[in-house]
C-alpha atoms as a PDB file:
ATOM      1  CA  SER A   1     151.404 110.933  93.568  1.00  0.00           C
ATOM      2  CA  MET A   2     147.627 111.705  94.073  1.00  0.00           C
ATOM      3  CA  SER A   3     145.716 114.889  94.989  1.00  0.00           C
ATOM      4  CA  ASP A   4     143.786 114.786  98.133  1.00  0.00           C
ATOM      5  CA  ALA A   5     140.515 114.319  96.127  1.00  0.00           C
ATOM      6  CA  GLU A   6     142.013 111.431  94.046  1.00  0.00           C
ATOM      7  CA  ALA A   7     143.055 109.735  97.272  1.00  0.00           C
ATOM      8  CA  ALA A   8     139.574 110.100  98.771  1.00  0.00           C
ATOM      9  CA  ALA A   9     138.198 108.464  95.617  1.00  0.00           C
ATOM     10  CA  PHE A  10     140.723 105.766  95.516  1.00  0.00           C
ATOM     11  CA  LEU A  11     141.048 103.288  98.326  1.00  0.00           C
ATOM     12  CA  ASN A  12     137.700 101.670  98.900  1.00  0.00           C
ATOM     13  CA  VAL A  13     136.549 102.040  95.355  1.00  0.00           C
ATOM     14  CA  TYR A  14     139.554 100.467  93.720  1.00  0.00           C
ATOM     15  CA  GLN A  15     140.122  97.810  96.294  1.00  0.00           C
ATOM     16  CA  THR A  16     136.548  96.768  95.830  1.00  0.00           C
ATOM     17  CA  SER A  17     136.899  96.537  92.102  1.00  0.00           C
ATOM     18  CA  TYR A  18     140.392  95.057  92.267  1.00  0.00           C
ATOM     19  CA  VAL A  19     139.661  92.211  94.816  1.00  0.00           C
ATOM     20  CA  GLY A  20     136.235  91.498  93.446  1.00  0.00           C
ATOM     21  CA  LEU A  21     137.664  90.995  89.925  1.00  0.00           C
ATOM     22  CA  VAL A  22     141.147  89.549  90.600  1.00  0.00           C
ATOM     23  CA  HIS A  23     140.494  87.419  93.765  1.00  0.00           C
ATOM     24  CA  ASN A  24     136.832  86.564  93.888  1.00  0.00           C
ATOM     25  CA  GLY A  25     136.362  86.781  90.012  1.00  0.00           C
ATOM     26  CA  ARG A  26     139.690  84.940  89.309  1.00  0.00           C
ATOM     27  CA  MET A  27     140.311  87.269  86.421  1.00  0.00           C
ATOM     28  CA  GLN A  28     142.944  86.252  83.921  1.00  0.00           C
ATOM     29  CA  PRO A  29     144.373  88.025  80.826  1.00  0.00           C
ATOM     30  CA  GLY A  30     142.114  87.350  77.847  1.00  0.00           C
ATOM     31  CA  ASP A  31     138.919  87.145  80.004  1.00  0.00           C
ATOM     32  CA  ILE A  32     135.821  88.870  78.617  1.00  0.00           C
ATOM     33  CA  VAL A  33     134.525  91.134  81.382  1.00  0.00           C
ATOM     34  CA  LEU A  34     130.981  92.680  81.539  1.00  0.00           C
ATOM     35  CA  VAL A  35     130.939  95.661  83.772  1.00  0.00           C
ATOM     36  CA  HIS A  36     127.448  96.890  84.803  1.00  0.00           C
ATOM     37  CA  GLY A  37     127.110 100.408  86.038  1.00  0.00           C
ATOM     38  CA  GLY A  38     130.106 101.223  83.985  1.00  0.00           C
ATOM     39  CA  ALA A  39     130.069 104.887  84.729  1.00  0.00           C
ATOM     40  CA  GLY A  40     129.889 104.829  88.445  1.00  0.00           C
ATOM     41  CA  GLY A  41     132.850 104.860  90.705  1.00  0.00           C
ATOM     42  CA  VAL A  42     133.509 101.131  91.022  1.00  0.00           C
ATOM     43  CA  GLY A  43     132.448 100.557  87.517  1.00  0.00           C
ATOM     44  CA  LEU A  44     134.962 102.796  85.951  1.00  0.00           C
ATOM     45  CA  ALA A  45     137.583 101.383  88.361  1.00  0.00           C
ATOM     46  CA  ALA A  46     136.629  97.900  87.167  1.00  0.00           C
ATOM     47  CA  ILE A  47     137.084  98.894  83.615  1.00  0.00           C
ATOM     48  CA  GLN A  48     140.429 100.444  84.205  1.00  0.00           C
ATOM     49  CA  ILE A  49     141.612  97.365  86.257  1.00  0.00           C
ATOM     50  CA  ALA A  50     140.482  94.916  83.657  1.00  0.00           C
ATOM     51  CA  LYS A  51     142.068  96.448  80.910  1.00  0.00           C
ATOM     52  CA  ALA A  52     145.305  96.836  82.834  1.00  0.00           C
ATOM     53  CA  LYS A  53     145.206  93.040  83.462  1.00  0.00           C
ATOM     54  CA  GLY A  54     144.761  92.355  79.729  1.00  0.00           C
ATOM     55  CA  CYS A  55     140.992  91.682  79.452  1.00  0.00           C
ATOM     56  CA  THR A  56     138.294  92.660  76.981  1.00  0.00           C
ATOM     57  CA  VAL A  57     135.699  94.865  78.593  1.00  0.00           C
ATOM     58  CA  ILE A  58     131.977  95.439  77.691  1.00  0.00           C
ATOM     59  CA  ALA A  59     130.449  98.132  79.739  1.00  0.00           C
ATOM     60  CA  THR A  60     126.756  98.867  80.340  1.00  0.00           C
ATOM     61  CA  ALA A  61     125.451 102.341  81.332  1.00  0.00           C
ATOM     62  CA  SER A  62     122.187 104.376  80.889  1.00  0.00           C
ATOM     63  CA  SER A  63     123.143 107.364  78.762  1.00  0.00           C
ATOM     64  CA  GLU A  64     125.396 108.426  75.821  1.00  0.00           C
ATOM     65  CA  GLU A  65     127.479 110.598  78.139  1.00  0.00           C
ATOM     66  CA  LYS A  66     128.050 107.776  80.567  1.00  0.00           C
ATOM     67  CA  LEU A  67     128.951 105.374  77.510  1.00  0.00           C
ATOM     68  CA  ALA A  68     131.462 107.907  76.348  1.00  0.00           C
ATOM     69  CA  ALA A  69     133.041 107.937  79.875  1.00  0.00           C
ATOM     70  CA  CYS A  70     133.354 104.152  79.640  1.00  0.00           C
ATOM     71  CA  ARG A  71     134.966 104.152  76.369  1.00  0.00           C
ATOM     72  CA  GLU A  72     137.389 106.869  77.545  1.00  0.00           C
ATOM     73  CA  GLN A  73     138.494 104.599  80.260  1.00  0.00           C
ATOM     74  CA  GLY A  74     139.149 101.768  77.912  1.00  0.00           C
ATOM     75  CA  ALA A  75     135.985  99.750  77.391  1.00  0.00           C
ATOM     76  CA  ASP A  76     136.100  97.757  74.228  1.00  0.00           C
ATOM     77  CA  HIS A  77     132.330  97.772  73.770  1.00  0.00           C
ATOM     78  CA  VAL A  78     129.557  99.754  75.457  1.00  0.00           C
ATOM     79  CA  VAL A  79     125.822  99.067  75.694  1.00  0.00           C
ATOM     80  CA  ASN A  80     123.107 101.379  76.635  1.00  0.00           C
ATOM     81  CA  TYR A  81     120.972  99.126  78.720  1.00  0.00           C
ATOM     82  CA  ALA A  82     118.079 101.732  78.849  1.00  0.00           C
ATOM     83  CA  VAL A  83     117.363 101.254  75.154  1.00  0.00           C
ATOM     84  CA  GLU A  84     119.241  98.082  74.171  1.00  0.00           C
ATOM     85  CA  ASP A  85     119.153  94.442  75.288  1.00  0.00           C
ATOM     86  CA  PHE A  86     122.420  93.869  76.908  1.00  0.00           C
ATOM     87  CA  VAL A  87     122.216  90.062  76.872  1.00  0.00           C
ATOM     88  CA  GLN A  88     121.852  90.088  73.045  1.00  0.00           C
ATOM     89  CA  ALA A  89     124.609  92.623  72.775  1.00  0.00           C
ATOM     90  CA  VAL A  90     127.024  90.552  74.900  1.00  0.00           C
ATOM     91  CA  GLN A  91     126.381  87.452  72.869  1.00  0.00           C
ATOM     92  CA  GLU A  92     126.953  89.352  69.461  1.00  0.00           C
ATOM     93  CA  TYR A  93     130.157  90.961  70.859  1.00  0.00           C
ATOM     94  CA  THR A  94     131.413  87.563  72.147  1.00  0.00           C
ATOM     95  CA  ALA A  95     130.212  85.429  69.073  1.00  0.00           C
ATOM     96  CA  GLY A  96     127.964  83.533  71.519  1.00  0.00           C
ATOM     97  CA  HIS A  97     130.685  82.756  74.099  1.00  0.00           C
ATOM     98  CA  GLY A  98     129.356  85.177  76.735  1.00  0.00           C
ATOM     99  CA  ALA A  99     131.186  87.006  79.470  1.00  0.00           C
ATOM    100  CA  ASP A 100     133.692  85.107  81.567  1.00  0.00           C
ATOM    101  CA  ILE A 101     133.309  87.556  84.493  1.00  0.00           C
ATOM    102  CA  ILE A 102     130.251  89.687  85.048  1.00  0.00           C
ATOM    103  CA  TYR A 103     130.778  92.562  87.713  1.00  0.00           C
ATOM    104  CA  ASP A 104     127.527  93.701  89.229  1.00  0.00           C
ATOM    105  CA  PRO A 105     127.082  96.693  91.485  1.00  0.00           C
ATOM    106  CA  VAL A 106     123.540  97.204  90.376  1.00  0.00           C
ATOM    107  CA  GLY A 107     121.418  94.107  91.261  1.00  0.00           C
ATOM    108  CA  GLY A 108     117.651  94.039  90.547  1.00  0.00           C
ATOM    109  CA  ASP A 109     116.843  93.282  86.927  1.00  0.00           C
ATOM    110  CA  VAL A 110     120.367  93.534  85.776  1.00  0.00           C
ATOM    111  CA  PHE A 111     121.271  90.678  87.955  1.00  0.00           C
ATOM    112  CA  ASP A 112     118.354  88.616  86.773  1.00  0.00           C
ATOM    113  CA  GLN A 113     119.268  88.869  83.082  1.00  0.00           C
ATOM    114  CA  SER A 114     122.988  88.514  83.605  1.00  0.00           C
ATOM    115  CA  ARG A 115     122.900  84.854  83.905  1.00  0.00           C
ATOM    116  CA  ARG A 116     121.629  84.717  80.314  1.00  0.00           C
ATOM    117  CA  CYS A 117     124.996  86.103  78.960  1.00  0.00           C
ATOM    118  CA  ILE A 118     127.405  84.624  81.142  1.00  0.00           C
ATOM    119  CA  ALA A 119     129.963  82.066  79.749  1.00  0.00           C
ATOM    120  CA  PHE A 120     130.053  78.451  80.519  1.00  0.00           C
ATOM    121  CA  GLY A 121     132.240  78.201  83.789  1.00  0.00           C
ATOM    122  CA  GLY A 122     131.870  82.127  84.239  1.00  0.00           C
ATOM    123  CA  ARG A 123     132.015  84.061  87.463  1.00  0.00           C
ATOM    124  CA  LEU A 124     129.248  86.375  88.563  1.00  0.00           C
ATOM    125  CA  VAL A 125     130.633  88.929  91.098  1.00  0.00           C
ATOM    126  CA  VAL A 126     128.099  90.764  93.226  1.00  0.00           C
ATOM    127  CA  VAL A 127     129.303  93.946  94.884  1.00  0.00           C
ATOM    128  CA  GLY A 128     126.288  95.999  95.451  1.00  0.00           C
ATOM    129  CA  PHE A 129     122.547  96.696  94.859  1.00  0.00           C
ATOM    130  CA  ALA A 130     122.334 100.218  93.360  1.00  0.00           C
ATOM    131  CA  SER A 131     119.040  99.503  91.745  1.00  0.00           C
ATOM    132  CA  GLY A 132     117.464  99.221  95.229  1.00  0.00           C
ATOM    133  CA  ARG A 133     116.389  95.735  94.683  1.00  0.00           C
ATOM    134  CA  ILE A 134     118.235  92.652  96.152  1.00  0.00           C
ATOM    135  CA  PRO A 135     117.631  89.754  93.654  1.00  0.00           C
ATOM    136  CA  GLU A 136     117.274  86.097  94.211  1.00  0.00           C
ATOM    137  CA  ILE A 137     118.306  83.130  92.066  1.00  0.00           C
ATOM    138  CA  ALA A 138     117.157  79.579  91.739  1.00  0.00           C
ATOM    139  CA  ALA A 139     120.106  77.232  92.379  1.00  0.00           C
ATOM    140  CA  ASN A 140     119.490  75.198  89.281  1.00  0.00           C
ATOM    141  CA  ARG A 141     120.472  78.241  87.076  1.00  0.00           C
ATOM    142  CA  ILE A 142     123.887  78.123  88.478  1.00  0.00           C
ATOM    143  CA  LEU A 143     124.094  74.424  87.985  1.00  0.00           C
ATOM    144  CA  LEU A 144     122.936  74.371  84.431  1.00  0.00           C
ATOM    145  CA  ARG A 145     125.256  77.205  83.309  1.00  0.00           C
ATOM    146  CA  ASN A 146     128.051  75.889  85.479  1.00  0.00           C
ATOM    147  CA  PHE A 147     128.892  79.377  86.665  1.00  0.00           C
ATOM    148  CA  SER A 148     130.224  80.737  90.021  1.00  0.00           C
ATOM    149  CA  LEU A 149     128.314  83.172  92.050  1.00  0.00           C
ATOM    150  CA  THR A 150     130.386  85.241  94.553  1.00  0.00           C
ATOM    151  CA  GLY A 151     129.763  88.226  96.548  1.00  0.00           C
ATOM    152  CA  PHE A 152     132.497  90.888  97.980  1.00  0.00           C
ATOM    153  CA  THR A 153     132.571  93.332 100.691  1.00  0.00           C
ATOM    154  CA  LEU A 154     135.675  95.265 101.878  1.00  0.00           C
ATOM    155  CA  HIS A 155     134.519  94.620 105.544  1.00  0.00           C
ATOM    156  CA  GLY A 156     134.779  90.921 105.033  1.00  0.00           C
ATOM    157  CA  TYR A 157     138.220  90.918 103.726  1.00  0.00           C
ATOM    158  CA  LYS A 158     139.387  93.438 106.423  1.00  0.00           C
ATOM    159  CA  ALA A 159     138.214  91.034 109.189  1.00  0.00           C
ATOM    160  CA  HIS A 160     139.293  87.808 107.531  1.00  0.00           C
ATOM    161  CA  ARG A 161     142.096  88.346 104.700  1.00  0.00           C
ATOM    162  CA  PRO A 162     143.700  91.584 105.523  1.00  0.00           C
ATOM    163  CA  GLN A 163     146.827  90.608 103.689  1.00  0.00           C
ATOM    164  CA  VAL A 164     144.874  90.187 100.406  1.00  0.00           C
ATOM    165  CA  LEU A 165     143.813  93.941 100.830  1.00  0.00           C
ATOM    166  CA  ALA A 166     147.449  94.995 101.519  1.00  0.00           C
ATOM    167  CA  ASP A 167     148.761  93.140  98.576  1.00  0.00           C
ATOM    168  CA  SER A 168     146.067  94.419  96.334  1.00  0.00           C
ATOM    169  CA  HIS A 169     146.685  97.902  97.344  1.00  0.00           C
ATOM    170  CA  ALA A 170     150.396  97.654  96.520  1.00  0.00           C
ATOM    171  CA  ASP A 171     149.561  96.473  93.165  1.00  0.00           C
ATOM    172  CA  LEU A 172     146.999  99.273  92.688  1.00  0.00           C
ATOM    173  CA  ILE A 173     149.695 101.745  93.532  1.00  0.00           C
ATOM    174  CA  GLN A 174     151.985 100.452  91.023  1.00  0.00           C
ATOM    175  CA  LEU A 175     149.185 100.622  88.396  1.00  0.00           C
ATOM    176  CA  HIS A 176     148.275 104.097  89.321  1.00  0.00           C
ATOM    177  CA  ALA A 177     152.070 105.116  89.002  1.00  0.00           C
ATOM    178  CA  ALA A 178     152.176 103.523  85.651  1.00  0.00           C
ATOM    179  CA  GLY A 179     149.068 105.653  84.498  1.00  0.00           C
ATOM    180  CA  GLN A 180     146.851 102.518  84.072  1.00  0.00           C
ATOM    181  CA  VAL A 181     144.340 103.454  86.707  1.00  0.00           C
ATOM    182  CA  LYS A 182     143.233 106.840  87.944  1.00  0.00           C
ATOM    183  CA  PRO A 183     139.987 107.979  89.803  1.00  0.00           C
ATOM    184  CA  VAL A 184     137.309 109.727  87.668  1.00  0.00           C
ATOM    185  CA  ILE A 185     135.813 112.623  89.655  1.00  0.00           C
ATOM    186  CA  SER A 186     132.946 114.406  88.126  1.00  0.00           C
ATOM    187  CA  HIS A 187     132.419 116.761  90.875  1.00  0.00           C
ATOM    188  CA  THR A 188     134.415 118.262  93.651  1.00  0.00           C
ATOM    189  CA  LEU A 189     132.360 120.287  96.211  1.00  0.00           C
ATOM    190  CA  PRO A 190     132.743 121.957  99.575  1.00  0.00           C
ATOM    191  CA  MET A 191     130.887 120.371 102.517  1.00  0.00           C
ATOM    192  CA  SER A 192     128.472 123.582 102.436  1.00  0.00           C
ATOM    193  CA  ARG A 193     127.189 121.926  99.218  1.00  0.00           C
ATOM    194  CA  LEU A 194     126.649 118.547 100.733  1.00  0.00           C
ATOM    195  CA  VAL A 195     122.954 118.429  99.723  1.00  0.00           C
ATOM    196  CA  GLU A 196     123.854 119.124  96.117  1.00  0.00           C
ATOM    197  CA  GLY A 197     126.383 116.275  96.253  1.00  0.00           C
ATOM    198  CA  ILE A 198     123.723 113.754  97.458  1.00  0.00           C
ATOM    199  CA  GLU A 199     121.269 114.993  94.831  1.00  0.00           C
ATOM    200  CA  LEU A 200     123.930 114.408  92.082  1.00  0.00           C
ATOM    201  CA  LEU A 201     124.180 110.862  93.292  1.00  0.00           C
ATOM    202  CA  GLU A 202     120.371 110.307  93.748  1.00  0.00           C
ATOM    203  CA  THR A 203     119.503 111.602  90.410  1.00  0.00           C
ATOM    204  CA  ARG A 204     122.469 109.662  88.757  1.00  0.00           C
ATOM    205  CA  ARG A 205     123.878 112.755  87.212  1.00  0.00           C
ATOM    206  CA  SER A 206     127.402 112.028  88.325  1.00  0.00           C
ATOM    207  CA  ILE A 207     129.969 110.023  86.432  1.00  0.00           C
ATOM    208  CA  GLY A 208     132.747 108.278  88.646  1.00  0.00           C
ATOM    209  CA  LYS A 209     132.954 109.982  92.170  1.00  0.00           C
ATOM    210  CA  VAL A 210     131.607 113.068  93.845  1.00  0.00           C
ATOM    211  CA  VAL A 211     134.136 114.160  96.437  1.00  0.00           C
ATOM    212  CA  MET A 212     133.303 116.387  99.255  1.00  0.00           C
ATOM    213  CA  VAL A 213     136.027 118.783 100.595  1.00  0.00           C
ATOM    214  CA  PRO A 214     136.152 120.116 104.185  1.00  0.00           C
ATOM    215  CA  GLY A 215     135.788 123.905 104.322  1.00  0.00           C
ATOM    216  CA  SER A 216     139.344 124.773 105.044  1.00  0.00           C
ATOM    217  CA  LEU A 217     140.662 122.736 102.009  1.00  0.00           C
ATOM    218  CA  ALA A 218     137.882 123.641  99.519  1.00  0.00           C
END
């Protein structure tokens, strides 16, 4: 069972990470998965799901506190991209193989650099642009590295492949019941503190999800 706050932080977040990795990313046991924005809601969900499916996870984040959260959720390696070159770190952690899957909710410069550490035949899964910049890529870069570039939105699957979402949700519920996935909620606030909740997101001080609770339930 889940609390109301956990349920609010579960459905869209975990379906985004699950379908993005398992279906679009064709994730298999043993894959090396690089999760950008590892301490965000979808990032922590991606770490948990990838570990539950038998993968090695490298997570990036911007502070020691956030790196600790990634480790706590199962990341095998962590990289502070604010002070480290994550491309070099990934190459070192993988002995030059690179990441089989790169899960990117960040975009911007992170996307631009990710192609330099993706494995031959790897999959780059784009799920958002938290950096605020939508990147572009020359098609020859995809060809030369022989990698796949795929995007994911829940809306598209709801319209065209609803059964995939239903099947994914059923597996996620089983993973939750087994204790392998669980939403990370850094703040639960009443709606009267909505501005504070938004500021937590804007200033990147939250880890995982911020859940707003209606007044009668707070």
